[in-house]
C-alpha atoms as a PDB file:
ATOM      1  CA  MET A   1       4.618   5.930 -18.957  1.00  0.00           C
ATOM      2  CA  LYS A   2       5.446   2.250 -18.799  1.00  0.00           C
ATOM      3  CA  ILE A   3       2.445  -0.003 -19.357  1.00  0.00           C
ATOM      4  CA  TRP A   4       2.353  -3.106 -17.162  1.00  0.00           C
ATOM      5  CA  TYR A   5       0.731  -6.360 -18.242  1.00  0.00           C
ATOM      6  CA  VAL A   6      -0.555  -9.433 -16.397  1.00  0.00           C
ATOM      7  CA  GLY A   7       2.401 -11.553 -15.349  1.00  0.00           C
ATOM      8  CA  ASP A   8       5.008  -8.782 -15.583  1.00  0.00           C
ATOM      9  CA  LYS A   9       7.593  -8.959 -12.800  1.00  0.00           C
ATOM     10  CA  SER A  10       9.178  -6.147 -10.813  1.00  0.00           C
ATOM     11  CA  LYS A  11      10.622  -5.471  -7.371  1.00  0.00           C
ATOM     12  CA  ALA A  12       9.139  -3.369  -4.592  1.00  0.00           C
ATOM     13  CA  LEU A  13       9.301  -2.793  -0.871  1.00  0.00           C
ATOM     14  CA  CYS A  14       6.727  -4.944   0.900  1.00  0.00           C
ATOM     15  CA  GLU A  15       5.689  -3.300   4.156  1.00  0.00           C
ATOM     16  CA  THR A  16       4.323  -6.607   5.446  1.00  0.00           C
ATOM     17  CA  CYS A  17       7.535  -8.570   4.798  1.00  0.00           C
ATOM     18  CA  ARG A  18       9.696  -5.508   5.553  1.00  0.00           C
ATOM     19  CA  LYS A  19      12.054  -6.045   2.627  1.00  0.00           C
ATOM     20  CA  ILE A  20      12.405  -5.577  -1.113  1.00  0.00           C
ATOM     21  CA  LEU A  21      10.937  -8.587  -2.906  1.00  0.00           C
ATOM     22  CA  SER A  22       9.846  -9.612  -6.373  1.00  0.00           C
ATOM     23  CA  THR A  23       6.306  -8.738  -7.412  1.00  0.00           C
ATOM     24  CA  THR A  24       3.852  -9.854 -10.070  1.00  0.00           C
ATOM     25  CA  PHE A  25       1.280  -7.664 -11.823  1.00  0.00           C
ATOM     26  CA  ASP A  26      -2.324  -8.781 -12.281  1.00  0.00           C
ATOM     27  CA  TYR A  27      -5.861  -7.422 -11.922  1.00  0.00           C
ATOM     28  CA  TYR A  28      -7.134  -7.178  -8.349  1.00  0.00           C
ATOM     29  CA  ASP A  29      -9.883  -5.596  -6.269  1.00  0.00           C
ATOM     30  CA  VAL A  30      -7.910  -3.081  -4.209  1.00  0.00           C
ATOM     31  CA  PRO A  31      -9.351  -1.375  -1.109  1.00  0.00           C
ATOM     32  CA  LEU A  32      -8.684   2.347  -0.915  1.00  0.00           C
ATOM     33  CA  GLU A  33      -6.443   3.362   1.973  1.00  0.00           C
ATOM     34  CA  LYS A  34      -7.883   6.704   3.034  1.00  0.00           C
ATOM     35  CA  ARG A  35     -11.571   6.257   2.196  1.00  0.00           C
ATOM     36  CA  ASP A  36     -14.129   3.504   2.179  1.00  0.00           C
ATOM     37  CA  GLY A  37     -14.416   1.791  -1.154  1.00  0.00           C
ATOM     38  CA  VAL A  38     -12.782  -0.741  -3.414  1.00  0.00           C
ATOM     39  CA  ALA A  39     -11.272  -0.160  -6.838  1.00  0.00           C
ATOM     40  CA  LYS A  40     -12.435  -3.226  -8.734  1.00  0.00           C
ATOM     41  CA  GLN A  41     -10.185  -5.127 -11.143  1.00  0.00           C
ATOM     42  CA  ILE A  42      -7.335  -2.641 -11.464  1.00  0.00           C
ATOM     43  CA  MET A  43      -3.767  -3.488 -12.419  1.00  0.00           C
ATOM     44  CA  ALA A  44      -1.572  -3.781  -9.321  1.00  0.00           C
ATOM     45  CA  ALA A  45       1.589  -5.543  -8.210  1.00  0.00           C
ATOM     46  CA  THR A  46       1.563  -7.945  -5.290  1.00  0.00           C
ATOM     47  CA  CYS A  47       4.417  -9.304  -3.203  1.00  0.00           C
ATOM     48  CA  ASP A  48       5.351 -12.773  -4.434  1.00  0.00           C
ATOM     49  CA  ASP A  49       5.937 -13.924  -0.836  1.00  0.00           C
ATOM     50  CA  CYS A  50       2.803 -12.740   1.002  1.00  0.00           C
ATOM     51  CA  GLY A  51       0.365 -11.457  -1.649  1.00  0.00           C
ATOM     52  CA  THR A  52       0.090  -7.900  -0.279  1.00  0.00           C
ATOM     53  CA  VAL A  53      -0.584  -5.188  -2.875  1.00  0.00           C
ATOM     54  CA  VAL A  54       2.673  -3.227  -2.990  1.00  0.00           C
ATOM     55  CA  ALA A  55       2.326  -1.022  -6.080  1.00  0.00           C
ATOM     56  CA  ILE A  56      -0.322   0.497  -8.298  1.00  0.00           C
ATOM     57  CA  PRO A  57       0.969   1.651 -11.689  1.00  0.00           C
ATOM     58  CA  PRO A  58      -0.003   4.986 -13.254  1.00  0.00           C
ATOM     59  CA  GLN A  59      -2.246   3.214 -15.792  1.00  0.00           C
ATOM     60  CA  SER A  60      -4.635   2.324 -12.923  1.00  0.00           C
ATOM     61  CA  MET A  61      -5.015   5.896 -11.680  1.00  0.00           C
ATOM     62  CA  PRO A  62      -7.829   6.953 -14.067  1.00  0.00           C
ATOM     63  CA  ALA A  63     -10.029   4.110 -12.749  1.00  0.00           C
ATOM     64  CA  ILE A  64      -9.308   5.114  -9.151  1.00  0.00           C
ATOM     65  CA  ARG A  65     -10.010   8.805  -9.890  1.00  0.00           C
ATOM     66  CA  MET A  66     -13.297   7.891 -11.546  1.00  0.00           C
ATOM     67  CA  LEU A  67     -14.324   5.858  -8.496  1.00  0.00           C
ATOM     68  CA  VAL A  68     -13.431   8.614  -6.027  1.00  0.00           C
ATOM     69  CA  ARG A  69     -15.281  11.253  -8.081  1.00  0.00           C
ATOM     70  CA  SER A  70     -18.419   9.147  -8.623  1.00  0.00           C
ATOM     71  CA  PRO A  71     -21.630  10.428  -6.965  1.00  0.00           C
ATOM     72  CA  GLU A  72     -22.270   7.142  -5.141  1.00  0.00           C
ATOM     73  CA  PHE A  73     -18.787   7.299  -3.584  1.00  0.00           C
ATOM     74  CA  GLY A  74     -19.512  10.655  -1.937  1.00  0.00           C
ATOM     75  CA  ASP A  75     -17.206  13.488  -0.956  1.00  0.00           C
END
């Protein structure tokens, strides 16, 4: 598994811009798509043009799993 660090660059498809653009990794509060809740301060890549979160690396998944499985999050 590749580990991403703050400031690392990549490319990804931005659904907002509708094209492949450069991205930058950093820590962000990311809202969950399919449930209410926010994963706080996880590593994610954002589009360099519009700032939309476009990728979440595997290293952030344990934090998201822990949030989803927490009692206060609910089922």
